[in-house]
C-alpha atoms as a PDB file:
ATOM      1  CA  MET A   1      15.045 -39.332  -5.089  1.00  0.00           C
ATOM      2  CA  ILE A   2      17.987 -36.720  -5.857  1.00  0.00           C
ATOM      3  CA  LYS A   3      21.201 -37.742  -6.038  1.00  0.00           C
ATOM      4  CA  GLU A   4      24.430 -35.572  -5.060  1.00  0.00           C
ATOM      5  CA  ILE A   5      27.931 -36.121  -6.201  1.00  0.00           C
ATOM      6  CA  ALA A   6      29.100 -32.668  -4.844  1.00  0.00           C
ATOM      7  CA  SER A   7      27.920 -30.170  -2.899  1.00  0.00           C
ATOM      8  CA  PRO A   8      29.080 -27.164  -4.059  1.00  0.00           C
ATOM      9  CA  LYS A   9      29.815 -24.039  -2.435  1.00  0.00           C
ATOM     10  CA  LEU A  10      27.039 -20.787  -3.609  1.00  0.00           C
ATOM     11  CA  LYS A  11      26.387 -17.573  -2.740  1.00  0.00           C
ATOM     12  CA  ASN A  12      22.562 -17.167  -3.146  1.00  0.00           C
ATOM     13  CA  PRO A  13      22.373 -18.669  -6.719  1.00  0.00           C
ATOM     14  CA  ILE A  14      20.236 -17.469  -9.862  1.00  0.00           C
ATOM     15  CA  PHE A  15      17.971 -21.082 -10.833  1.00  0.00           C
ATOM     16  CA  ILE A  16      17.146 -21.747 -14.322  1.00  0.00           C
ATOM     17  CA  ALA A  17      14.770 -24.542 -15.086  1.00  0.00           C
ATOM     18  CA  ALA A  18      14.244 -26.411 -18.412  1.00  0.00           C
ATOM     19  CA  TRP A  19      12.461 -29.082 -19.971  1.00  0.00           C
ATOM     20  CA  PRO A  20      11.852 -30.261 -23.902  1.00  0.00           C
ATOM     21  CA  GLY A  21       8.812 -28.479 -25.384  1.00  0.00           C
ATOM     22  CA  MET A  22       7.316 -26.671 -28.340  1.00  0.00           C
ATOM     23  CA  GLY A  23      10.603 -25.972 -30.767  1.00  0.00           C
ATOM     24  CA  GLU A  24      12.970 -27.246 -28.463  1.00  0.00           C
ATOM     25  CA  VAL A  25      13.200 -23.323 -27.106  1.00  0.00           C
ATOM     26  CA  ALA A  26      13.643 -23.546 -23.339  1.00  0.00           C
ATOM     27  CA  TYR A  27      15.805 -26.748 -23.721  1.00  0.00           C
ATOM     28  CA  ARG A  28      18.116 -25.161 -26.391  1.00  0.00           C
ATOM     29  CA  ALA A  29      18.429 -22.144 -24.440  1.00  0.00           C
ATOM     30  CA  ALA A  30      18.972 -24.171 -21.277  1.00  0.00           C
ATOM     31  CA  LEU A  31      22.033 -26.628 -23.086  1.00  0.00           C
ATOM     32  CA  PHE A  32      23.722 -23.861 -25.229  1.00  0.00           C
ATOM     33  CA  LEU A  33      23.851 -21.965 -21.173  1.00  0.00           C
ATOM     34  CA  LYS A  34      25.462 -25.428 -19.848  1.00  0.00           C
ATOM     35  CA  GLU A  35      27.760 -25.755 -22.957  1.00  0.00           C
ATOM     36  CA  VAL A  36      29.284 -22.393 -23.320  1.00  0.00           C
ATOM     37  CA  LEU A  37      29.817 -21.398 -19.775  1.00  0.00           C
ATOM     38  CA  GLY A  38      30.695 -24.781 -18.161  1.00  0.00           C
ATOM     39  CA  PHE A  39      28.400 -25.835 -15.911  1.00  0.00           C
ATOM     40  CA  LYS A  40      29.830 -28.667 -13.775  1.00  0.00           C
ATOM     41  CA  VAL A  41      27.190 -31.575 -12.733  1.00  0.00           C
ATOM     42  CA  PHE A  42      26.391 -31.942  -9.287  1.00  0.00           C
ATOM     43  CA  ALA A  43      23.364 -33.789  -8.687  1.00  0.00           C
ATOM     44  CA  LYS A  44      21.011 -36.491 -10.441  1.00  0.00           C
ATOM     45  CA  LEU A  45      16.986 -36.636 -10.534  1.00  0.00           C
ATOM     46  CA  GLN A  46      15.792 -39.690 -10.767  1.00  0.00           C
ATOM     47  CA  ALA A  47      11.987 -39.962 -10.116  1.00  0.00           C
ATOM     48  CA  SER A  48      10.516 -43.290 -11.732  1.00  0.00           C
ATOM     49  CA  GLN A  49       7.659 -42.945  -9.789  1.00  0.00           C
ATOM     50  CA  PHE A  50       6.447 -40.061 -12.235  1.00  0.00           C
ATOM     51  CA  PHE A  51       6.769 -41.996 -15.272  1.00  0.00           C
ATOM     52  CA  LYS A  52       6.138 -45.240 -16.631  1.00  0.00           C
ATOM     53  CA  PRO A  53       7.011 -47.074 -19.960  1.00  0.00           C
ATOM     54  CA  ALA A  54       4.827 -46.491 -22.862  1.00  0.00           C
ATOM     55  CA  ALA A  55       6.279 -49.203 -24.793  1.00  0.00           C
ATOM     56  CA  VAL A  56       9.543 -51.327 -24.761  1.00  0.00           C
ATOM     57  CA  SER A  57      12.633 -50.752 -27.137  1.00  0.00           C
ATOM     58  CA  VAL A  58      13.271 -53.099 -29.659  1.00  0.00           C
ATOM     59  CA  GLU A  59      17.235 -53.761 -30.965  1.00  0.00           C
ATOM     60  CA  LYS A  60      17.507 -56.376 -33.313  1.00  0.00           C
ATOM     61  CA  GLY A  61      14.972 -58.351 -32.322  1.00  0.00           C
ATOM     62  CA  ILE A  62      14.983 -58.064 -28.593  1.00  0.00           C
ATOM     63  CA  LEU A  63      12.727 -56.093 -26.036  1.00  0.00           C
ATOM     64  CA  ASN A  64      13.589 -54.492 -23.040  1.00  0.00           C
ATOM     65  CA  ILE A  65      12.464 -51.708 -20.797  1.00  0.00           C
ATOM     66  CA  PRO A  66      13.300 -48.478 -21.862  1.00  0.00           C
ATOM     67  CA  GLU A  67      15.581 -47.075 -18.495  1.00  0.00           C
ATOM     68  CA  MET A  68      13.370 -44.220 -17.039  1.00  0.00           C
ATOM     69  CA  PRO A  69      14.048 -40.833 -18.354  1.00  0.00           C
ATOM     70  CA  ALA A  70      16.331 -38.264 -15.163  1.00  0.00           C
ATOM     71  CA  GLY A  71      17.285 -34.544 -14.725  1.00  0.00           C
ATOM     72  CA  PHE A  72      20.810 -33.410 -13.936  1.00  0.00           C
ATOM     73  CA  PHE A  73      21.558 -30.733 -11.785  1.00  0.00           C
ATOM     74  CA  TYR A  74      24.572 -28.601 -13.051  1.00  0.00           C
ATOM     75  CA  TYR A  75      26.283 -25.505 -11.166  1.00  0.00           C
ATOM     76  CA  TYR A  76      27.953 -22.269 -12.313  1.00  0.00           C
ATOM     77  CA  LYS A  77      30.454 -20.223  -9.755  1.00  0.00           C
ATOM     78  CA  GLY A  78      30.558 -16.763 -12.037  1.00  0.00           C
ATOM     79  CA  LYS A  79      34.144 -14.253 -11.386  1.00  0.00           C
ATOM     80  CA  LYS A  80      31.332 -11.004 -12.567  1.00  0.00           C
ATOM     81  CA  SER A  81      28.173 -12.547 -12.981  1.00  0.00           C
ATOM     82  CA  PRO A  82      25.549 -13.831  -9.871  1.00  0.00           C
ATOM     83  CA  ASP A  83      26.130 -18.136  -9.233  1.00  0.00           C
ATOM     84  CA  ILE A  84      23.759 -20.358 -11.156  1.00  0.00           C
ATOM     85  CA  ILE A  85      22.180 -23.779 -10.451  1.00  0.00           C
ATOM     86  CA  LEU A  86      20.732 -24.926 -13.890  1.00  0.00           C
ATOM     87  CA  PHE A  87      18.609 -27.545 -14.512  1.00  0.00           C
ATOM     88  CA  LEU A  88      17.677 -29.869 -17.640  1.00  0.00           C
ATOM     89  CA  GLY A  89      15.477 -32.377 -17.430  1.00  0.00           C
ATOM     90  CA  GLU A  90      15.318 -34.867 -20.282  1.00  0.00           C
ATOM     91  CA  VAL A  91      11.519 -35.432 -20.263  1.00  0.00           C
ATOM     92  CA  GLN A  92       8.356 -33.848 -19.353  1.00  0.00           C
ATOM     93  CA  PRO A  93       6.401 -36.720 -16.969  1.00  0.00           C
ATOM     94  CA  PRO A  94       2.798 -36.590 -17.574  1.00  0.00           C
ATOM     95  CA  LEU A  95       0.923 -33.363 -16.113  1.00  0.00           C
ATOM     96  CA  GLU A  96      -0.615 -34.925 -12.746  1.00  0.00           C
ATOM     97  CA  TYR A  97       3.015 -35.183 -11.661  1.00  0.00           C
ATOM     98  CA  ALA A  98       4.373 -32.314 -12.523  1.00  0.00           C
ATOM     99  CA  GLN A  99       3.529 -30.527  -9.225  1.00  0.00           C
ATOM    100  CA  ASP A 100       5.069 -33.361  -7.364  1.00  0.00           C
ATOM    101  CA  LEU A 101       7.721 -33.669  -9.376  1.00  0.00           C
ATOM    102  CA  SER A 102       8.212 -29.334  -9.065  1.00  0.00           C
ATOM    103  CA  LEU A 103       7.677 -29.473  -5.490  1.00  0.00           C
ATOM    104  CA  MET A 104      10.962 -32.292  -4.998  1.00  0.00           C
ATOM    105  CA  ILE A 105      13.016 -29.760  -6.828  1.00  0.00           C
ATOM    106  CA  VAL A 106      12.288 -26.523  -5.381  1.00  0.00           C
ATOM    107  CA  ASN A 107      12.445 -28.311  -1.857  1.00  0.00           C
ATOM    108  CA  PHE A 108      15.987 -29.454  -3.390  1.00  0.00           C
ATOM    109  CA  ILE A 109      17.758 -25.954  -4.191  1.00  0.00           C
ATOM    110  CA  LYS A 110      15.725 -23.888  -1.534  1.00  0.00           C
ATOM    111  CA  LYS A 111      18.877 -25.499   0.936  1.00  0.00           C
ATOM    112  CA  TYR A 112      20.908 -23.451  -1.951  1.00  0.00           C
ATOM    113  CA  LYS A 113      19.405 -19.795  -0.984  1.00  0.00           C
ATOM    114  CA  VAL A 114      18.640 -20.068  -4.187  1.00  0.00           C
ATOM    115  CA  SER A 115      17.373 -15.806  -5.078  1.00  0.00           C
ATOM    116  CA  GLN A 116      15.835 -15.974  -8.185  1.00  0.00           C
ATOM    117  CA  MET A 117      14.431 -18.598 -10.694  1.00  0.00           C
ATOM    118  CA  PHE A 118      13.857 -18.749 -14.279  1.00  0.00           C
ATOM    119  CA  THR A 119      11.730 -20.878 -17.285  1.00  0.00           C
ATOM    120  CA  PHE A 120      12.033 -20.987 -20.053  1.00  0.00           C
ATOM    121  CA  ALA A 121       8.854 -21.077 -22.933  1.00  0.00           C
ATOM    122  CA  ALA A 122       8.004 -21.025 -26.451  1.00  0.00           C
ATOM    123  CA  LYS A 123       4.814 -18.825 -27.669  1.00  0.00           C
ATOM    124  CA  PRO A 124       3.573 -19.849 -30.103  1.00  0.00           C
ATOM    125  CA  GLU A 125       1.672 -16.558 -32.292  1.00  0.00           C
ATOM    126  CA  SER A 126       0.503 -15.087 -36.202  1.00  0.00           C
ATOM    127  CA  ILE A 127       3.907 -14.571 -37.612  1.00  0.00           C
ATOM    128  CA  ASP A 128       6.163 -15.616 -40.246  1.00  0.00           C
ATOM    129  CA  HIS A 129       9.478 -17.294 -39.823  1.00  0.00           C
ATOM    130  CA  LYS A 130      11.628 -14.310 -41.181  1.00  0.00           C
ATOM    131  CA  SER A 131      10.421 -12.394 -38.170  1.00  0.00           C
ATOM    132  CA  LYS A 132      12.101 -11.269 -35.617  1.00  0.00           C
ATOM    133  CA  PRO A 133      10.664 -13.190 -32.500  1.00  0.00           C
ATOM    134  CA  LYS A 134       9.825 -10.966 -29.136  1.00  0.00           C
ATOM    135  CA  VAL A 135      10.683 -12.348 -26.185  1.00  0.00           C
ATOM    136  CA  TRP A 136       7.216 -12.593 -23.423  1.00  0.00           C
ATOM    137  CA  ILE A 137       7.565 -12.574 -20.030  1.00  0.00           C
ATOM    138  CA  ALA A 138       5.414 -14.259 -16.997  1.00  0.00           C
ATOM    139  CA  ALA A 139       6.316 -13.748 -13.800  1.00  0.00           C
ATOM    140  CA  THR A 140       5.610 -14.620  -9.932  1.00  0.00           C
ATOM    141  CA  HIS A 141       5.869 -10.726  -8.563  1.00  0.00           C
ATOM    142  CA  LYS A 142       5.407  -7.475  -9.867  1.00  0.00           C
ATOM    143  CA  ASP A 143       8.326  -6.417  -8.707  1.00  0.00           C
ATOM    144  CA  VAL A 144       9.825  -8.893 -10.807  1.00  0.00           C
ATOM    145  CA  LEU A 145       8.694  -7.744 -13.804  1.00  0.00           C
ATOM    146  CA  GLU A 146      10.149  -3.931 -12.995  1.00  0.00           C
ATOM    147  CA  SER A 147      13.123  -5.135 -12.548  1.00  0.00           C
ATOM    148  CA  LEU A 148      13.271  -6.320 -16.387  1.00  0.00           C
ATOM    149  CA  GLU A 149      11.276  -3.730 -17.674  1.00  0.00           C
ATOM    150  CA  LYS A 150      14.737  -2.843 -19.541  1.00  0.00           C
ATOM    151  CA  PHE A 151      14.989  -4.938 -21.501  1.00  0.00           C
ATOM    152  CA  ASN A 152      11.604  -4.315 -23.500  1.00  0.00           C
ATOM    153  CA  LEU A 153       9.856  -7.698 -23.379  1.00  0.00           C
ATOM    154  CA  LYS A 154       5.880  -7.961 -23.530  1.00  0.00           C
ATOM    155  CA  ILE A 155       3.820  -8.692 -20.690  1.00  0.00           C
ATOM    156  CA  LEU A 156       1.697 -11.699 -20.824  1.00  0.00           C
ATOM    157  CA  LYS A 157      -1.641  -9.931 -19.417  1.00  0.00           C
ATOM    158  CA  GLU A 158      -3.584 -12.810 -19.820  1.00  0.00           C
ATOM    159  CA  GLY A 159      -3.436 -16.695 -20.797  1.00  0.00           C
ATOM    160  CA  GLN A 160      -1.461 -19.414 -18.929  1.00  0.00           C
ATOM    161  CA  VAL A 161       1.888 -21.231 -19.432  1.00  0.00           C
ATOM    162  CA  SER A 162       1.435 -25.139 -20.014  1.00  0.00           C
ATOM    163  CA  GLY A 163       3.983 -28.042 -18.825  1.00  0.00           C
ATOM    164  CA  LEU A 164       7.179 -28.500 -15.912  1.00  0.00           C
ATOM    165  CA  ASN A 165       8.337 -24.592 -16.902  1.00  0.00           C
ATOM    166  CA  GLY A 166       5.457 -23.014 -15.482  1.00  0.00           C
ATOM    167  CA  ILE A 167       3.889 -25.297 -13.133  1.00  0.00           C
ATOM    168  CA  ILE A 168       7.382 -25.163 -11.106  1.00  0.00           C
ATOM    169  CA  LEU A 169       7.190 -21.627 -10.913  1.00  0.00           C
ATOM    170  CA  GLY A 170       3.875 -21.176  -9.625  1.00  0.00           C
ATOM    171  CA  VAL A 171       5.277 -24.219  -7.131  1.00  0.00           C
ATOM    172  CA  GLY A 172       8.199 -21.325  -6.546  1.00  0.00           C
ATOM    173  CA  LYS A 173       6.385 -18.742  -5.514  1.00  0.00           C
ATOM    174  CA  LYS A 174       4.522 -20.807  -2.914  1.00  0.00           C
ATOM    175  CA  LYS A 175       7.607 -21.908  -1.872  1.00  0.00           C
ATOM    176  CA  SER A 176       9.043 -18.092  -1.453  1.00  0.00           C
ATOM    177  CA  ILE A 177      11.002 -18.302  -4.315  1.00  0.00           C
ATOM    178  CA  LYS A 178      10.389 -15.406  -6.840  1.00  0.00           C
ATOM    179  CA  GLY A 179      11.021 -15.387 -11.241  1.00  0.00           C
ATOM    180  CA  ALA A 180       9.501 -15.727 -14.087  1.00  0.00           C
ATOM    181  CA  CYS A 181       9.623 -17.172 -16.991  1.00  0.00           C
ATOM    182  CA  LEU A 182      10.364 -16.085 -20.490  1.00  0.00           C
ATOM    183  CA  LEU A 183       8.799 -17.052 -23.288  1.00  0.00           C
ATOM    184  CA  GLY A 184      10.141 -16.762 -27.078  1.00  0.00           C
ATOM    185  CA  GLU A 185       8.158 -16.117 -29.948  1.00  0.00           C
ATOM    186  CA  ILE A 186       7.772 -18.622 -33.365  1.00  0.00           C
ATOM    187  CA  PRO A 187       5.167 -19.097 -35.759  1.00  0.00           C
ATOM    188  CA  PHE A 188       2.249 -21.348 -35.080  1.00  0.00           C
ATOM    189  CA  TYR A 189       2.328 -23.421 -37.905  1.00  0.00           C
ATOM    190  CA  THR A 190       5.875 -24.574 -36.767  1.00  0.00           C
ATOM    191  CA  VAL A 191       5.482 -25.241 -32.990  1.00  0.00           C
ATOM    192  CA  GLN A 192       6.731 -29.333 -34.076  1.00  0.00           C
ATOM    193  CA  ILE A 193      10.110 -27.856 -34.638  1.00  0.00           C
ATOM    194  CA  GLU A 194      13.507 -26.566 -34.128  1.00  0.00           C
ATOM    195  CA  ASN A 195      13.208 -22.661 -33.583  1.00  0.00           C
ATOM    196  CA  PRO A 196      16.694 -21.281 -32.970  1.00  0.00           C
ATOM    197  CA  LYS A 197      15.679 -17.971 -33.480  1.00  0.00           C
ATOM    198  CA  ALA A 198      13.522 -17.791 -30.449  1.00  0.00           C
ATOM    199  CA  THR A 199      16.200 -19.638 -28.707  1.00  0.00           C
ATOM    200  CA  GLY A 200      19.330 -16.658 -29.062  1.00  0.00           C
ATOM    201  CA  SER A 201      15.867 -14.062 -28.621  1.00  0.00           C
ATOM    202  CA  ILE A 202      16.026 -15.583 -24.928  1.00  0.00           C
ATOM    203  CA  LEU A 203      19.145 -15.892 -24.615  1.00  0.00           C
ATOM    204  CA  SER A 204      19.960 -12.428 -26.046  1.00  0.00           C
ATOM    205  CA  VAL A 205      17.632 -11.196 -22.540  1.00  0.00           C
ATOM    206  CA  ILE A 206      18.932 -14.148 -20.104  1.00  0.00           C
ATOM    207  CA  GLY A 207      22.272 -13.087 -21.043  1.00  0.00           C
ATOM    208  CA  LYS A 208      21.787  -9.629 -20.736  1.00  0.00           C
ATOM    209  CA  TYR A 209      20.536 -10.108 -16.964  1.00  0.00           C
ATOM    210  CA  LEU A 210      22.885 -12.357 -16.349  1.00  0.00           C
ATOM    211  CA  GLY A 211      25.809 -10.211 -16.769  1.00  0.00           C
ATOM    212  CA  VAL A 212      27.696 -13.089 -19.039  1.00  0.00           C
ATOM    213  CA  ASP A 213      29.118 -12.133 -22.605  1.00  0.00           C
ATOM    214  CA  LEU A 214      27.457 -15.235 -25.029  1.00  0.00           C
ATOM    215  CA  ASP A 215      28.317 -15.718 -28.135  1.00  0.00           C
ATOM    216  CA  LEU A 216      25.666 -16.725 -30.304  1.00  0.00           C
ATOM    217  CA  SER A 217      26.714 -16.504 -33.334  1.00  0.00           C
ATOM    218  CA  SER A 218      26.396 -20.812 -33.871  1.00  0.00           C
ATOM    219  CA  ILE A 219      22.372 -19.937 -33.084  1.00  0.00           C
ATOM    220  CA  VAL A 220      21.866 -17.036 -35.936  1.00  0.00           C
ATOM    221  CA  SER A 221      23.701 -20.010 -38.365  1.00  0.00           C
ATOM    222  CA  ARG A 222      21.182 -22.489 -37.129  1.00  0.00           C
ATOM    223  CA  SER A 223      18.480 -19.830 -37.310  1.00  0.00           C
ATOM    224  CA  LYS A 224      18.969 -19.047 -41.014  1.00  0.00           C
ATOM    225  CA  PHE A 225      19.505 -22.993 -41.840  1.00  0.00           C
ATOM    226  CA  ILE A 226      16.350 -23.338 -40.501  1.00  0.00           C
ATOM    227  CA  GLU A 227      14.759 -20.482 -42.025  1.00  0.00           C
ATOM    228  CA  ASP A 228      16.305 -22.216 -44.998  1.00  0.00           C
ATOM    229  CA  GLU A 229      14.753 -24.594 -45.060  1.00  0.00           C
ATOM    230  CA  ILE A 230      11.074 -23.623 -44.511  1.00  0.00           C
ATOM    231  CA  ASP A 231      11.547 -21.573 -47.173  1.00  0.00           C
ATOM    232  CA  LYS A 232      11.896 -24.885 -49.016  1.00  0.00           C
ATOM    233  CA  LEU A 233       9.055 -26.381 -47.926  1.00  0.00           C
ATOM    234  CA  ILE A 234       6.803 -23.867 -48.464  1.00  0.00           C
ATOM    235  CA  THR A 235       7.747 -23.634 -51.937  1.00  0.00           C
ATOM    236  CA  TYR A 236       7.209 -27.016 -52.343  1.00  0.00           C
ATOM    237  CA  LEU A 237       3.741 -27.026 -50.443  1.00  0.00           C
ATOM    238  CA  LYS A 238       2.473 -23.898 -52.467  1.00  0.00           C
ATOM    239  CA  GLY A 239       3.987 -25.849 -55.710  1.00  0.00           C
ATOM    240  CA  GLU A 240       6.152 -22.813 -56.711  1.00  0.00           C
ATOM    241  CA  ALA A 241       8.723 -22.423 -58.621  1.00  0.00           C
ATOM    242  CA  PRO A 242      12.325 -21.415 -55.896  1.00  0.00           C
ATOM    243  CA  ALA A 243      12.843 -18.234 -55.709  1.00  0.00           C
ATOM    244  CA  GLN A 244      14.642 -15.932 -53.520  1.00  0.00           C
ATOM    245  CA  GLY A 245      11.662 -14.876 -51.651  1.00  0.00           C
ATOM    246  CA  HIS A 246       7.900 -16.366 -51.267  1.00  0.00           C
ATOM    247  CA  SER A 247       4.752 -14.094 -51.226  1.00  0.00           C
ATOM    248  CA  PRO A 248       2.567 -13.941 -48.011  1.00  0.00           C
ATOM    249  CA  LEU A 249       1.007 -17.204 -46.152  1.00  0.00           C
ATOM    250  CA  SER A 250      -2.565 -17.256 -47.073  1.00  0.00           C
ATOM    251  CA  GLU A 251      -4.580 -19.411 -44.307  1.00  0.00           C
ATOM    252  CA  ASP A 252      -5.497 -22.348 -47.061  1.00  0.00           C
ATOM    253  CA  ASP A 253      -0.916 -22.786 -46.951  1.00  0.00           C
ATOM    254  CA  ILE A 254      -1.366 -22.450 -43.052  1.00  0.00           C
ATOM    255  CA  ASP A 255      -3.488 -25.542 -43.007  1.00  0.00           C
ATOM    256  CA  LYS A 256      -1.199 -27.037 -45.517  1.00  0.00           C
ATOM    257  CA  ILE A 257       1.774 -26.399 -43.477  1.00  0.00           C
ATOM    258  CA  LYS A 258       0.292 -27.356 -40.298  1.00  0.00           C
ATOM    259  CA  LYS A 259      -0.716 -30.910 -41.677  1.00  0.00           C
ATOM    260  CA  ASP A 260       2.119 -31.569 -43.376  1.00  0.00           C
ATOM    261  CA  LEU A 261       5.120 -30.693 -41.742  1.00  0.00           C
ATOM    262  CA  ALA A 262       5.112 -33.800 -39.075  1.00  0.00           C
ATOM    263  CA  ALA A 263       5.920 -35.265 -41.640  1.00  0.00           C
ATOM    264  CA  TYR A 264       9.444 -33.876 -41.917  1.00  0.00           C
ATOM    265  CA  THR A 265       9.565 -33.267 -37.925  1.00  0.00           C
ATOM    266  CA  LYS A 266       8.761 -35.096 -34.692  1.00  0.00           C
ATOM    267  CA  LEU A 267       6.739 -34.169 -31.747  1.00  0.00           C
ATOM    268  CA  PRO A 268       8.869 -34.300 -28.056  1.00  0.00           C
ATOM    269  CA  GLN A 269       9.039 -37.488 -27.006  1.00  0.00           C
ATOM    270  CA  SER A 270       7.016 -36.400 -23.645  1.00  0.00           C
ATOM    271  CA  ALA A 271       4.489 -35.000 -25.831  1.00  0.00           C
ATOM    272  CA  LEU A 272       4.075 -38.111 -28.124  1.00  0.00           C
ATOM    273  CA  LYS A 273       4.130 -39.825 -24.514  1.00  0.00           C
ATOM    274  CA  GLU A 274       1.612 -38.211 -22.907  1.00  0.00           C
ATOM    275  CA  ILE A 275      -1.206 -37.882 -25.968  1.00  0.00           C
ATOM    276  CA  GLU A 276      -0.851 -42.144 -25.971  1.00  0.00           C
ATOM    277  CA  LYS A 277      -1.469 -41.907 -22.556  1.00  0.00           C
ATOM    278  CA  LEU A 278      -4.588 -39.747 -23.303  1.00  0.00           C
ATOM    279  CA  PHE A 279      -5.322 -41.683 -25.689  1.00  0.00           C
ATOM    280  CA  LYS A 280      -6.043 -45.044 -23.937  1.00  0.00           C
ATOM    281  CA  ASP A 281      -8.045 -42.959 -21.215  1.00  0.00           C
ATOM    282  CA  ALA A 282      -9.861 -41.788 -23.163  1.00  0.00           C
ATOM    283  CA  GLY A 283     -10.688 -45.374 -24.792  1.00  0.00           C
ATOM    284  CA  LYS A 284     -12.081 -45.758 -20.813  1.00  0.00           C
ATOM    285  CA  ASP A 285     -13.857 -43.202 -20.410  1.00  0.00           C
ATOM    286  CA  ILE A 286     -15.426 -40.698 -23.065  1.00  0.00           C
ATOM    287  CA  THR A 287     -15.325 -38.056 -20.579  1.00  0.00           C
ATOM    288  CA  LEU A 288     -11.822 -37.631 -20.946  1.00  0.00           C
ATOM    289  CA  ALA A 289     -12.091 -37.140 -24.962  1.00  0.00           C
ATOM    290  CA  ASN A 290     -12.158 -32.915 -24.665  1.00  0.00           C
ATOM    291  CA  LYS A 291      -8.677 -33.601 -22.769  1.00  0.00           C
ATOM    292  CA  LEU A 292      -7.571 -35.324 -25.317  1.00  0.00           C
ATOM    293  CA  LYS A 293      -8.116 -32.623 -27.919  1.00  0.00           C
ATOM    294  CA  GLY A 294      -7.083 -29.996 -26.389  1.00  0.00           C
ATOM    295  CA  GLU A 295      -3.837 -31.990 -26.343  1.00  0.00           C
ATOM    296  CA  LEU A 296      -3.893 -32.449 -29.660  1.00  0.00           C
ATOM    297  CA  ASP A 297      -4.591 -28.981 -30.872  1.00  0.00           C
ATOM    298  CA  ARG A 298      -1.720 -27.491 -28.074  1.00  0.00           C
ATOM    299  CA  TRP A 299       0.586 -29.574 -30.227  1.00  0.00           C
ATOM    300  CA  ASN A 300      -0.761 -28.598 -33.751  1.00  0.00           C
ATOM    301  CA  VAL A 301      -1.015 -32.368 -35.032  1.00  0.00           C
ATOM    302  CA  TYR A 302      -5.729 -33.042 -34.410  1.00  0.00           C
ATOM    303  CA  LYS A 303      -4.808 -33.553 -38.464  1.00  0.00           C
ATOM    304  CA  GLU A 304      -2.771 -36.630 -38.187  1.00  0.00           C
ATOM    305  CA  TYR A 305      -4.928 -38.322 -34.986  1.00  0.00           C
ATOM    306  CA  GLU A 306      -7.993 -37.507 -36.225  1.00  0.00           C
ATOM    307  CA  ASP A 307      -8.761 -40.906 -37.348  1.00  0.00           C
ATOM    308  CA  LYS A 308      -7.770 -42.575 -34.277  1.00  0.00           C
ATOM    309  CA  PHE A 309      -9.808 -39.569 -32.039  1.00  0.00           C
ATOM    310  CA  LEU A 310     -13.091 -40.042 -34.029  1.00  0.00           C
ATOM    311  CA  ASP A 311     -12.500 -44.277 -33.603  1.00  0.00           C
ATOM    312  CA  LEU A 312     -12.972 -43.797 -29.905  1.00  0.00           C
ATOM    313  CA  PHE A 313     -16.571 -42.056 -30.260  1.00  0.00           C
ATOM    314  CA  LYS A 314     -17.220 -44.636 -33.183  1.00  0.00           C
ATOM    315  CA  LYS A 315     -16.300 -47.333 -30.322  1.00  0.00           C
ATOM    316  CA  LYS A 316     -18.277 -46.197 -27.862  1.00  0.00           C
ATOM    317  CA  GLY A 317     -21.173 -45.795 -30.252  1.00  0.00           C
ATOM    318  CA  LYS A 318     -21.115 -49.929 -31.010  1.00  0.00           C
ATOM    319  CA  GLU A 319     -21.110 -50.392 -27.432  1.00  0.00           C
ATOM    320  CA  ARG A 320     -24.373 -49.126 -26.642  1.00  0.00           C
ATOM    321  CA  HIS A 321     -25.868 -51.424 -29.400  1.00  0.00           C
END
């Protein structure tokens, strides 16, 4: 259910949607836009049918059923830029509900005569965390790609955009709304931590496209802080004395970083819930183990769950005897 608290008069607005995901790239880019441009909330998505509690919360020994995640619609009336509708989802639902949830959102925004839609995402690549991340694009139509050529984006010629940040574009295309996903590169060994550098790269592109002047100085400062923290972690993991720089990472270094980063960071809540659900489902139907393994690999956390994953097969083996 989508509850409107206002009915803004907008002229062919551009729609931007984001949910938490790898590197928090998409969500933080959209959140930055909301805060610096002064978006106003006008509707709330309450879709409890798409979310099931995976646990209860405990506070001072008392159990409570947690509140179901929500999503909020915001609007911005541009003077020299297009009007914009922004949607921020608190949590991504399980993937089996992604298309239905996307359809609910797309049907809602169509009444505002949305002219185009954008989503953001992270793209893990074999790059160093000090590198300047490139921005990739995948679009619903060829003319959308052509309209963004001047921003020197890399075209994603094949592959996939997973989660709601991709699926909602596919649903929008079926409903005759053109759109694109902007993907910021992140080092594949840092998918579990915030990546403001990739966020800034996306914001630079979308700001120019929208014709809005975005002060990204806070993003730059945050990027430097995160970069320094990763340097410290790499120095620690390699057993080196602190230094101004560090030598290129070997494959062994990268494997160790991927394993140990979990001790310093955490997965988005939506990813944790999806993994726990897949473990539960695979416990009942071992043929789903391959789907579970794919999800663990996607977030580079298989090592953290390896024992639990292998236990699924041990239990099935005992049941046969």
